[in-house]
Protein backbone atom coordinates (compact mmCIF):
# COMPACT_ATOMS: atom_id res chain seq x y z
CA MET A 1 24.91 5.92 -7.67
CA THR A 2 22.46 4.71 -5.06
CA PHE A 3 23.48 3.07 -1.79
CA THR A 4 21.78 1.84 1.37
CA LEU A 5 21.91 3.84 4.59
CA ALA A 6 20.71 2.28 7.87
CA ILE A 7 19.77 4.63 10.72
CA VAL A 8 20.41 2.91 14.06
CA GLY A 9 20.56 3.87 17.71
CA ARG A 10 18.81 3.58 21.07
CA PRO A 11 15.04 4.11 21.30
CA ASN A 12 13.79 7.69 21.19
CA VAL A 13 16.96 9.34 19.89
CA GLY A 14 15.16 10.70 16.79
CA LYS A 15 15.84 8.04 14.15
CA SER A 16 12.35 8.18 12.60
CA THR A 17 12.39 11.99 12.56
CA LEU A 18 15.73 11.88 10.75
CA PHE A 19 14.38 9.25 8.33
CA ASN A 20 11.34 11.41 7.52
CA ARG A 21 13.58 14.42 6.95
CA LEU A 22 15.80 12.46 4.50
CA VAL A 23 12.92 10.98 2.48
CA GLY A 24 11.12 14.33 2.42
CA LYS A 25 7.77 13.07 3.72
CA ARG A 26 6.20 11.73 6.90
CA LEU A 27 6.51 8.01 6.22
CA ALA A 28 7.53 6.74 9.66
CA LEU A 29 5.36 7.14 12.74
CA VAL A 30 6.82 9.59 15.24
CA ASP A 31 5.85 9.88 18.91
CA ASP A 32 7.47 11.02 22.15
CA ARG A 33 7.34 7.57 23.72
CA PRO A 34 10.27 5.19 23.02
CA GLY A 35 9.99 2.03 20.92
CA VAL A 36 7.46 3.28 18.36
CA THR A 37 9.36 1.80 15.39
CA ARG A 38 9.50 -2.00 15.33
CA ASP A 39 9.96 -3.06 11.70
CA LEU A 40 12.43 -1.96 9.06
CA ARG A 41 11.02 0.80 6.88
CA GLU A 42 12.71 1.74 3.58
CA GLY A 43 12.36 4.98 1.64
CA ALA A 44 13.95 6.76 -1.32
CA ALA A 45 16.05 9.57 0.20
CA ARG A 46 17.92 12.57 -1.16
CA LEU A 47 20.55 14.76 0.42
CA GLY A 48 22.09 17.43 -1.79
CA GLY A 49 23.10 15.59 -4.96
CA LEU A 50 23.04 12.15 -3.32
CA SER A 51 20.24 9.65 -3.94
CA PHE A 52 20.08 6.58 -1.72
CA THR A 53 17.81 4.18 0.14
CA ALA A 54 17.30 5.02 3.82
CA ILE A 55 16.28 2.34 6.33
CA ASP A 56 14.58 3.28 9.60
CA THR A 57 15.22 0.64 12.25
CA ALA A 58 13.91 -0.28 15.68
CA GLY A 59 15.70 1.11 18.71
CA LEU A 60 18.60 -1.05 19.87
CA GLU A 61 18.05 -2.47 23.34
CA GLU A 62 20.20 -4.75 25.50
CA ALA A 63 17.82 -7.71 25.30
CA THR A 64 18.37 -11.42 24.71
CA GLY A 65 16.25 -14.55 24.28
CA ASP A 66 13.00 -14.60 22.34
CA SER A 67 11.38 -11.51 23.81
CA LEU A 68 9.91 -8.83 21.55
CA PRO A 69 12.82 -6.36 22.18
CA ALA A 70 15.30 -9.15 21.40
CA ARG A 71 13.56 -9.97 18.11
CA MET A 72 13.53 -6.27 17.23
CA ARG A 73 17.26 -6.07 17.97
CA ARG A 74 18.05 -9.06 15.73
CA LEU A 75 16.10 -7.43 12.90
CA THR A 76 18.06 -4.20 13.33
CA GLU A 77 21.39 -6.05 13.42
CA ARG A 78 20.39 -7.76 10.17
CA ALA A 79 19.78 -4.36 8.57
CA VAL A 80 23.22 -3.22 9.76
CA GLY A 81 24.85 -6.16 8.01
CA MET A 82 22.97 -5.43 4.76
CA ALA A 83 23.56 -1.65 4.69
CA ASP A 84 26.43 0.07 2.87
CA VAL A 85 26.62 2.87 5.46
CA CYS A 86 25.30 3.13 9.02
CA LEU A 87 24.25 6.31 10.79
CA PHE A 88 24.66 5.73 14.50
CA VAL A 89 22.42 8.26 16.22
CA ILE A 90 22.79 9.34 19.85
CA ASP A 91 20.85 11.88 21.88
CA ALA A 92 23.19 14.85 22.38
CA ARG A 93 21.07 16.16 25.24
CA ALA A 94 21.18 12.87 27.16
CA GLY A 95 24.88 12.32 26.45
CA VAL A 96 26.60 8.98 25.93
CA THR A 97 24.97 6.11 27.84
CA PRO A 98 26.38 2.64 28.57
CA ALA A 99 24.00 1.24 25.93
CA ASP A 100 25.50 3.64 23.36
CA GLU A 101 28.98 2.32 24.17
CA THR A 102 27.82 -1.29 23.78
CA PHE A 103 26.17 -0.66 20.42
CA ALA A 104 29.12 1.39 19.16
CA ALA A 105 31.36 -1.63 19.76
CA ILE A 106 28.91 -3.85 17.84
CA LEU A 107 28.82 -1.42 14.89
CA ARG A 108 32.61 -1.25 14.71
CA ARG A 109 32.68 -5.03 14.28
CA ARG A 110 29.71 -5.38 11.88
CA ASN A 111 30.00 -2.41 9.51
CA ALA A 112 33.12 -0.65 8.25
CA ARG A 113 31.34 2.57 7.30
CA VAL A 114 29.77 4.13 10.38
CA ILE A 115 28.93 7.83 10.73
CA LEU A 116 28.28 9.08 14.25
CA VAL A 117 25.41 11.58 14.56
CA ALA A 118 24.66 13.62 17.68
CA ASN A 119 20.99 14.47 17.23
CA LYS A 120 18.94 17.07 19.14
CA ALA A 121 22.03 19.32 19.16
CA GLU A 122 20.28 22.58 18.27
CA GLY A 123 21.60 25.60 20.16
CA ARG A 124 23.85 24.92 23.12
CA ALA A 125 21.72 22.17 24.62
CA GLY A 126 23.74 19.34 23.09
CA GLU A 127 27.30 20.71 23.22
CA ALA A 128 28.39 18.54 26.14
CA GLY A 129 26.86 15.38 24.67
CA ALA A 130 28.46 16.00 21.26
CA LEU A 131 31.90 16.40 22.83
CA GLU A 132 31.38 13.32 24.96
CA ALA A 133 30.57 11.27 21.81
CA TRP A 134 34.26 11.33 20.81
CA ARG A 135 34.95 8.54 23.28
CA LEU A 136 32.80 6.09 21.30
CA GLY A 137 35.73 5.65 18.88
CA LEU A 138 33.69 6.36 15.74
CA GLY A 139 35.39 9.60 14.74
CA GLU A 140 34.07 13.14 14.87
CA PRO A 141 30.35 13.29 15.65
CA ILE A 142 28.11 15.28 13.32
CA ARG A 143 25.93 17.67 15.24
CA LEU A 144 22.46 18.07 13.77
CA SER A 145 18.83 18.56 14.61
CA ALA A 146 16.53 16.29 12.61
CA GLU A 147 13.47 18.14 13.87
CA HIS A 148 14.68 21.59 12.85
CA GLY A 149 16.75 20.59 9.79
CA GLU A 150 20.11 21.83 11.13
CA GLY A 151 23.52 20.30 10.38
CA PHE A 152 22.62 18.41 7.20
CA GLU A 153 25.40 20.14 5.27
CA ASP A 154 27.92 18.37 7.51
CA LEU A 155 26.11 15.06 7.01
CA TYR A 156 26.34 15.52 3.23
CA ALA A 157 30.07 16.26 3.50
CA ALA A 158 30.55 12.97 5.41
CA LEU A 159 28.41 10.88 3.05
CA ALA A 160 29.71 12.21 -0.28
CA PRO A 161 33.18 10.54 -0.21
CA LEU A 162 31.66 7.24 0.95
CA ALA A 163 29.16 7.39 -1.92
CA GLU A 164 31.96 7.98 -4.43
CA GLY A 165 33.86 4.96 -3.11
CA LEU A 166 30.77 2.78 -3.33
CA ALA A 167 30.14 4.01 -6.89
CA GLY A 168 33.66 3.05 -7.94
CA ARG A 169 33.32 -0.38 -6.42
CA ALA A 170 29.97 -0.97 -8.18
CA ALA A 171 31.45 0.15 -11.53
CA ALA A 172 34.35 -2.28 -11.14
CA ALA A 173 31.95 -5.12 -10.33
CA ASP A 174 29.86 -4.33 -13.41
CA ASP A 175 32.97 -4.40 -15.64
CA ALA A 176 34.03 -7.77 -14.22
CA ALA A 177 30.58 -9.33 -14.61
CA PRO A 178 30.10 -11.49 -17.73
CA GLU A 179 27.75 -10.16 -20.37
CA THR A 180 24.47 -12.02 -20.77
CA GLU A 181 22.55 -12.25 -23.99
CA VAL A 182 18.90 -11.32 -23.90
CA GLU A 183 16.62 -13.22 -26.23
CA VAL A 184 14.32 -10.87 -28.13
CA VAL A 185 11.10 -12.31 -29.50
CA GLU A 186 9.88 -10.34 -32.50
CA GLY A 187 6.26 -9.34 -32.36
CA ALA A 188 6.02 -10.03 -28.64
CA GLU A 189 3.99 -7.44 -26.84
CA ALA A 190 3.39 -7.00 -23.12
CA PRO A 191 -0.25 -7.35 -22.07
CA PRO A 192 -1.96 -4.09 -21.08
CA PHE A 193 -1.45 -3.02 -17.47
CA ALA A 194 1.12 -5.78 -16.90
CA PRO A 195 3.20 -5.10 -13.77
CA THR A 196 6.79 -4.05 -14.42
CA GLU A 197 9.82 -3.27 -12.27
CA ARG A 198 9.08 0.46 -12.59
CA ARG A 199 5.35 0.01 -11.95
CA PRO A 200 4.97 -3.10 -9.78
CA LEU A 201 1.66 -4.56 -8.70
CA GLN A 202 0.69 -2.85 -5.42
CA ILE A 203 -0.69 -5.30 -2.83
CA ALA A 204 -1.91 -4.44 0.69
CA VAL A 205 -2.41 -7.20 3.26
CA ILE A 206 -5.01 -6.13 5.83
CA GLY A 207 -6.94 -7.85 8.59
CA ARG A 208 -7.57 -8.04 12.31
CA PRO A 209 -4.64 -8.18 14.78
CA ASN A 210 -2.82 -11.53 14.97
CA ALA A 211 -4.33 -12.88 11.75
CA GLY A 212 -0.81 -13.61 10.46
CA LYS A 213 -0.27 -10.71 8.05
CA SER A 214 3.47 -10.27 8.74
CA THR A 215 4.04 -14.02 8.63
CA LEU A 216 2.31 -14.16 5.24
CA VAL A 217 4.45 -11.32 3.87
CA ASN A 218 7.60 -13.07 5.14
CA ALA A 219 6.49 -16.28 3.41
CA ILE A 220 6.02 -14.40 0.12
CA LEU A 221 9.41 -12.70 0.47
CA GLY A 222 11.14 -15.93 1.48
CA GLU A 223 12.92 -14.27 4.41
CA GLU A 224 12.23 -12.98 7.92
CA ARG A 225 11.83 -9.37 6.81
CA MET A 226 8.87 -8.46 9.06
CA LEU A 227 8.79 -8.73 12.82
CA THR A 228 6.49 -11.58 13.90
CA GLY A 229 5.45 -13.23 17.13
CA PRO A 230 2.52 -14.48 19.20
CA GLU A 231 1.78 -10.98 20.53
CA ALA A 232 -1.14 -9.17 18.90
CA GLY A 233 -0.48 -5.75 17.39
CA ILE A 234 3.26 -6.10 16.74
CA THR A 235 3.13 -4.26 13.41
CA ARG A 236 2.59 -0.51 13.75
CA ASP A 237 3.74 1.05 10.48
CA ALA A 238 2.46 0.13 7.03
CA ILE A 239 5.72 -1.36 5.74
CA SER A 240 6.16 -1.73 1.97
CA VAL A 241 8.67 -4.09 0.36
CA SER A 242 9.40 -4.62 -3.35
CA THR A 243 10.07 -8.13 -4.62
CA ARG A 244 9.27 -10.60 -7.42
CA TRP A 245 6.53 -13.01 -6.44
CA ALA A 246 6.47 -16.05 -8.74
CA GLY A 247 7.94 -13.84 -11.48
CA THR A 248 5.53 -10.92 -10.95
CA PRO A 249 7.05 -7.58 -9.80
CA VAL A 250 5.08 -6.59 -6.71
CA ARG A 251 5.19 -4.09 -3.87
CA ILE A 252 3.61 -5.55 -0.73
CA PHE A 253 2.31 -3.45 2.16
CA ASP A 254 2.23 -5.13 5.56
CA THR A 255 -0.23 -3.19 7.71
CA ALA A 256 -1.19 -2.89 11.36
CA GLY A 257 -4.14 -4.93 12.59
CA LEU A 258 -7.46 -3.10 12.39
CA ARG A 259 -9.69 -3.29 15.47
CA ARG A 260 -13.13 -1.83 16.03
CA ARG A 261 -13.04 1.96 16.12
CA ALA A 262 -14.56 2.02 19.62
CA LYS A 263 -11.61 0.03 20.96
CA VAL A 264 -8.97 2.27 19.40
CA GLN A 265 -8.20 4.85 22.09
CA ASP A 266 -4.42 5.03 22.15
CA LYS A 267 -2.91 7.82 20.04
CA LEU A 268 -0.23 5.52 18.59
CA GLU A 269 -2.79 2.92 17.54
CA LYS A 270 -4.83 5.64 15.85
CA LEU A 271 -1.74 6.62 13.86
CA SER A 272 -1.16 2.96 12.93
CA VAL A 273 -4.74 2.53 11.73
CA ALA A 274 -4.49 5.72 9.66
CA ASP A 275 -1.27 4.38 8.11
CA ALA A 276 -2.98 1.09 7.26
CA LEU A 277 -5.92 2.88 5.62
CA ARG A 278 -3.48 4.97 3.59
CA ALA A 279 -1.85 1.74 2.34
CA VAL A 280 -5.25 0.46 1.22
CA ARG A 281 -5.79 3.61 -0.84
CA PHE A 282 -2.37 3.19 -2.49
CA ALA A 283 -2.91 -0.50 -3.26
CA GLU A 284 -4.35 -2.03 -6.41
CA VAL A 285 -5.20 -5.41 -4.90
CA VAL A 286 -6.16 -5.82 -1.24
CA VAL A 287 -5.70 -9.22 0.40
CA VAL A 288 -8.16 -9.44 3.31
CA LEU A 289 -6.59 -11.99 5.64
CA LEU A 290 -8.91 -13.98 7.92
CA ASP A 291 -8.09 -16.33 10.79
CA ALA A 292 -9.44 -19.80 9.95
CA GLN A 293 -10.28 -20.38 13.62
CA VAL A 294 -12.57 -17.30 13.83
CA PRO A 295 -13.39 -16.20 10.25
CA PHE A 296 -15.90 -13.56 9.19
CA GLU A 297 -16.00 -11.69 12.46
CA THR A 298 -17.83 -8.36 12.34
CA GLN A 299 -14.52 -6.53 11.98
CA ASP A 300 -13.51 -8.78 9.07
CA LEU A 301 -16.71 -7.80 7.25
CA ARG A 302 -16.04 -4.11 7.87
CA ILE A 303 -12.48 -4.43 6.57
CA ALA A 304 -13.63 -6.19 3.39
CA ASP A 305 -16.36 -3.59 2.87
CA LEU A 306 -13.77 -0.82 3.32
CA ALA A 307 -11.60 -2.28 0.54
CA GLU A 308 -14.63 -2.53 -1.76
CA ARG A 309 -15.74 1.05 -1.05
CA GLU A 310 -12.21 2.26 -1.83
CA GLY A 311 -12.54 0.62 -5.24
CA ARG A 312 -9.73 -1.91 -4.78
CA ALA A 313 -9.65 -5.42 -6.22
CA VAL A 314 -10.24 -7.79 -3.30
CA VAL A 315 -8.92 -11.28 -2.58
CA VAL A 316 -10.07 -13.01 0.62
CA ALA A 317 -7.42 -15.31 2.12
CA VAL A 318 -8.12 -17.65 5.05
CA ASN A 319 -4.91 -18.19 7.02
CA LYS A 320 -3.84 -20.93 9.48
CA TRP A 321 -5.39 -23.59 7.26
CA ASP A 322 -2.79 -26.09 8.49
CA LEU A 323 -4.68 -26.25 11.82
CA GLU A 324 -7.91 -27.46 10.18
CA THR A 325 -8.82 -31.15 10.25
CA ASP A 326 -12.04 -31.55 8.22
CA ARG A 327 -10.99 -29.18 5.45
CA GLN A 328 -13.64 -30.03 2.84
CA ALA A 329 -16.56 -29.36 5.18
CA ARG A 330 -14.86 -26.26 6.54
CA LEU A 331 -14.22 -24.87 3.04
CA LYS A 332 -17.86 -25.41 2.07
CA ALA A 333 -19.03 -23.57 5.20
CA LEU A 334 -16.61 -20.69 4.50
CA ALA A 335 -17.86 -20.33 0.92
CA GLU A 336 -21.48 -20.21 2.09
CA SER A 337 -20.67 -17.61 4.77
CA PHE A 338 -18.72 -15.52 2.25
CA GLU A 339 -21.61 -15.46 -0.25
CA ARG A 340 -24.15 -14.62 2.48
CA LEU A 341 -22.17 -12.03 4.46
CA LEU A 342 -20.34 -10.22 1.64
CA PRO A 343 -22.75 -10.00 -1.30
CA GLN A 344 -20.99 -6.83 -2.53
CA LEU A 345 -17.93 -8.99 -3.27
CA LYS A 346 -19.83 -11.70 -5.10
CA GLY A 347 -17.39 -13.84 -7.07
CA ALA A 348 -14.23 -12.54 -5.38
CA PRO A 349 -11.52 -15.20 -4.91
CA LEU A 350 -11.56 -17.12 -1.62
CA VAL A 351 -8.17 -18.79 -1.03
CA THR A 352 -6.98 -20.95 1.87
CA VAL A 353 -3.32 -20.53 2.89
CA SER A 354 -0.91 -21.36 5.64
CA ALA A 355 1.58 -18.53 6.10
CA LYS A 356 3.53 -20.69 8.55
CA THR A 357 4.14 -23.60 6.14
CA GLY A 358 3.85 -21.70 2.84
CA ARG A 359 1.02 -23.91 1.54
CA GLY A 360 -1.41 -22.20 -0.81
CA LEU A 361 0.83 -19.27 -1.79
CA ASP A 362 0.75 -20.34 -5.44
CA ARG A 363 -3.07 -20.22 -5.41
CA LEU A 364 -2.97 -16.84 -3.68
CA HIS A 365 -0.60 -15.47 -6.32
CA ALA A 366 -2.85 -16.70 -9.14
CA ALA A 367 -5.89 -15.13 -7.45
CA VAL A 368 -4.12 -11.78 -6.99
CA VAL A 369 -2.97 -11.65 -10.63
CA ALA A 370 -6.44 -12.62 -11.88
CA ALA A 371 -8.14 -10.01 -9.66
CA HIS A 372 -5.74 -7.34 -10.94
CA ALA A 373 -6.50 -8.29 -14.57
CA VAL A 374 -10.25 -8.02 -13.95
CA TRP A 375 -9.75 -4.68 -12.17
CA ASN A 376 -8.11 -3.37 -15.37
CA ARG A 377 -10.64 -4.87 -17.79
CA ARG A 378 -12.17 -2.73 -20.55
CA VAL A 379 -15.27 -3.65 -22.57
CA GLY A 380 -16.14 -2.21 -25.98
CA THR A 381 -19.15 0.09 -26.34
CA ALA A 382 -20.77 -2.09 -29.01
CA GLN A 383 -20.61 -5.15 -26.74
CA LEU A 384 -22.04 -3.17 -23.86
CA ASN A 385 -25.02 -1.91 -25.84
CA ARG A 386 -25.84 -5.37 -27.19
CA TRP A 387 -25.74 -6.58 -23.59
CA LEU A 388 -27.97 -3.69 -22.47
CA ALA A 389 -30.57 -4.53 -25.11
CA ALA A 390 -30.66 -8.15 -23.97
CA MET A 391 -30.93 -7.13 -20.30
CA THR A 392 -33.83 -4.72 -20.90
CA ALA A 393 -35.61 -7.27 -23.10
CA ALA A 394 -35.34 -9.93 -20.38
CA HIS A 395 -36.36 -7.55 -17.59
CA PRO A 396 -37.67 -4.14 -18.72
CA PRO A 397 -36.99 -1.14 -16.47
CA PRO A 398 -39.88 0.06 -14.25
CA ALA A 399 -42.49 2.64 -15.28
CA PRO A 400 -43.11 5.00 -12.36
CA GLY A 401 -46.19 7.13 -12.89
CA GLY A 402 -47.03 5.19 -16.05
CA ARG A 403 -43.96 6.44 -17.97
CA ARG A 404 -41.34 3.75 -18.54
CA ILE A 405 -37.72 4.71 -17.90
CA ARG A 406 -35.81 4.43 -21.16
CA LEU A 407 -32.22 3.10 -21.01
CA LYS A 408 -30.59 4.61 -24.09
CA TYR A 409 -26.95 3.50 -24.18
CA ILE A 410 -24.01 2.54 -21.98
CA THR A 411 -20.25 3.06 -22.27
CA GLN A 412 -17.19 2.36 -20.12
CA VAL A 413 -15.42 5.53 -19.02
CA LYS A 414 -12.65 4.16 -16.78
CA THR A 415 -10.88 1.13 -15.36
CA ARG A 416 -9.20 0.46 -12.01
CA PRO A 417 -12.01 -0.26 -11.02
CA PRO A 418 -14.29 -0.58 -14.06
CA GLY A 419 -16.63 2.42 -14.31
CA PHE A 420 -19.61 2.71 -16.65
CA VAL A 421 -22.00 5.54 -17.57
CA LEU A 422 -25.58 4.65 -18.46
CA MET A 423 -27.68 7.27 -20.22
CA CYS A 424 -31.37 7.06 -19.33
CA SER A 425 -34.49 9.21 -19.36
CA ASP A 426 -34.94 9.54 -15.57
CA PRO A 427 -31.86 8.54 -13.50
CA GLU A 428 -33.34 9.49 -10.13
CA ALA A 429 -36.41 7.28 -10.61
CA LEU A 430 -34.44 4.09 -11.39
CA PRO A 431 -34.71 1.82 -8.30
CA ASP A 432 -31.60 0.50 -6.53
CA ALA A 433 -32.79 -3.05 -7.15
CA TYR A 434 -32.68 -2.54 -10.92
CA ARG A 435 -29.26 -0.91 -10.59
CA ARG A 436 -28.00 -4.00 -8.75
CA TYR A 437 -29.57 -6.15 -11.49
CA LEU A 438 -27.48 -4.31 -14.08
CA ILE A 439 -24.26 -4.50 -12.04
CA ASN A 440 -24.65 -8.24 -11.45
CA GLY A 441 -25.35 -8.63 -15.17
CA LEU A 442 -22.11 -6.83 -16.01
CA ARG A 443 -20.18 -9.16 -13.70
CA GLU A 444 -21.63 -12.31 -15.26
CA ALA A 445 -21.63 -11.24 -18.92
CA PHE A 446 -18.09 -9.83 -19.00
CA ASP A 447 -16.40 -12.11 -16.44
CA MET A 448 -15.71 -9.50 -13.76
CA PRO A 449 -16.22 -11.44 -10.52
CA GLY A 450 -15.51 -9.74 -7.20
CA THR A 451 -14.16 -6.46 -8.52
CA PRO A 452 -15.97 -3.23 -7.58
CA ILE A 453 -18.10 -1.87 -10.44
CA ARG A 454 -19.09 1.78 -10.57
CA LEU A 455 -22.31 2.44 -12.53
CA THR A 456 -23.23 6.12 -12.99
CA LEU A 457 -26.67 7.08 -14.30
CA ARG A 458 -27.04 10.21 -16.37
CA SER A 459 -29.73 11.96 -18.35
CA GLN A 460 -29.01 13.41 -21.77
CA ALA A 461 -30.86 16.52 -20.69
CA GLU A 462 -28.02 17.19 -18.23
CA LYS A 463 -25.68 17.70 -21.18
CA ASN A 464 -28.03 20.07 -23.09
CA PRO A 465 -26.92 23.65 -22.25
CA PHE A 466 -30.07 25.12 -23.89
CA ARG A 467 -32.61 23.00 -22.02
CA ASP A 468 -33.75 25.77 -19.65
CA ARG A 469 -33.11 28.67 -21.98
CA ARG A 470 -36.23 30.42 -23.29
CA PRO A 471 -36.34 31.58 -26.93
CA PRO A 472 -35.72 35.35 -27.34
CA LYS A 473 -38.74 37.59 -27.66
CA ARG A 474 -39.51 38.78 -31.20
CA THR A 475 -39.17 42.50 -31.72
CA ALA A 476 -41.20 44.59 -34.15
CA LEU A 477 -38.24 44.64 -36.57
CA SER A 478 -37.88 40.85 -36.53
CA LYS A 479 -41.62 40.44 -37.15
CA HIS A 480 -41.44 42.83 -40.12
CA LEU A 481 -38.42 40.96 -41.57
CA GLY A 482 -40.24 37.67 -41.13
CA LYS A 483 -43.25 38.93 -43.08
CA ALA A 484 -40.97 40.31 -45.81
CA ARG A 485 -39.30 36.84 -46.20
CA LYS A 486 -42.68 35.13 -46.53
CA ALA A 487 -43.77 37.68 -49.15
């Protein structure tokens, strides 16, 4: 039985450290300063024999209105309402604060299953704070140290009975639910590499700060799941969320805004950028989000080039399209700039969207699915070699030093992205211009626009293990035997 566990508490009490300990990896950013976590981060956690979903939340602060701390608090309170169990974490060394008392009262009203945790209680440093936590009215506090891994046996003992109760309730609900018939179509077969619930399509949304990445993810999800606002740089962690987008199982990564490396000096921002780059490497399709008011800035070009060098399928989306007036002229100018500034992504989809109004999301979904299909495309060897013969007949390879380079055959060795090996007589002498000619020909002939193509040149001599081996010297005996055979 799996359940949802929300980790809540004041800023800097160790919630993210506890979350990382439960999921068994360093997913959440951790720093000494308070308020590092802003969004809700989910992870598959294990504790003893229990498997559950842990949610790391932003620190609860006594803030109201539409300020950033107030929006963070509303997001955390929403997670509390959704969770099956809440871990209310306090700092045992700091003791119980007035803010802890306020939030304890809120948790008693909002969630029936609350476990009180006194963190940073290693040694005797947190004894007084752990004893003081009794007055919060949430039962016996569990003393643990998330950093050092102490006290998790007691946490398991507190969670196990709650998990059993939740399992019984879920089983009763399943028995009461009406059975639904599933129509089975004989002969139906899923297309290759089709996303499934177990292996959803991985999408990363990247771009400069304040391009509207979190707003776009919220529009796709249909709910205010990500923290948004007019402030630049709100998102710090690369937050991933699973959903069905127009019927397609997807996992979307919302990432921190990427600025020029020279401007990134703060340690926390460096961690956020590293987290965003890690999300790009995990993704299958990267949506490069541009601001329609200032598109194709130098940093936008670097971000798109990064996604191409990582071998991801790329879709370029221009956000805030609802603010444009002369859209036809603007779209024509964008297409010309895209073709001129990003030739390495020739043919990649360029989609206009408005994350605020939701316009264009259907076109973006179609572009993402199409880019993923191209990224997984495989071409037969016979087709490739017929294409190679036509390409060399139309434009023969060069002849450095009077000896023409012979292109012998080509085959596809991988997908995701498509990778090809071309056997030729002299790989090092083949100019880059002719290599680009072949890659562009592959795109056009086999309908692979925009996706990165890896073309590796090899010589057959590289595979011959006896190329540099000299024949053995003939001995007197071998010469005598040779003469005897001839006689």
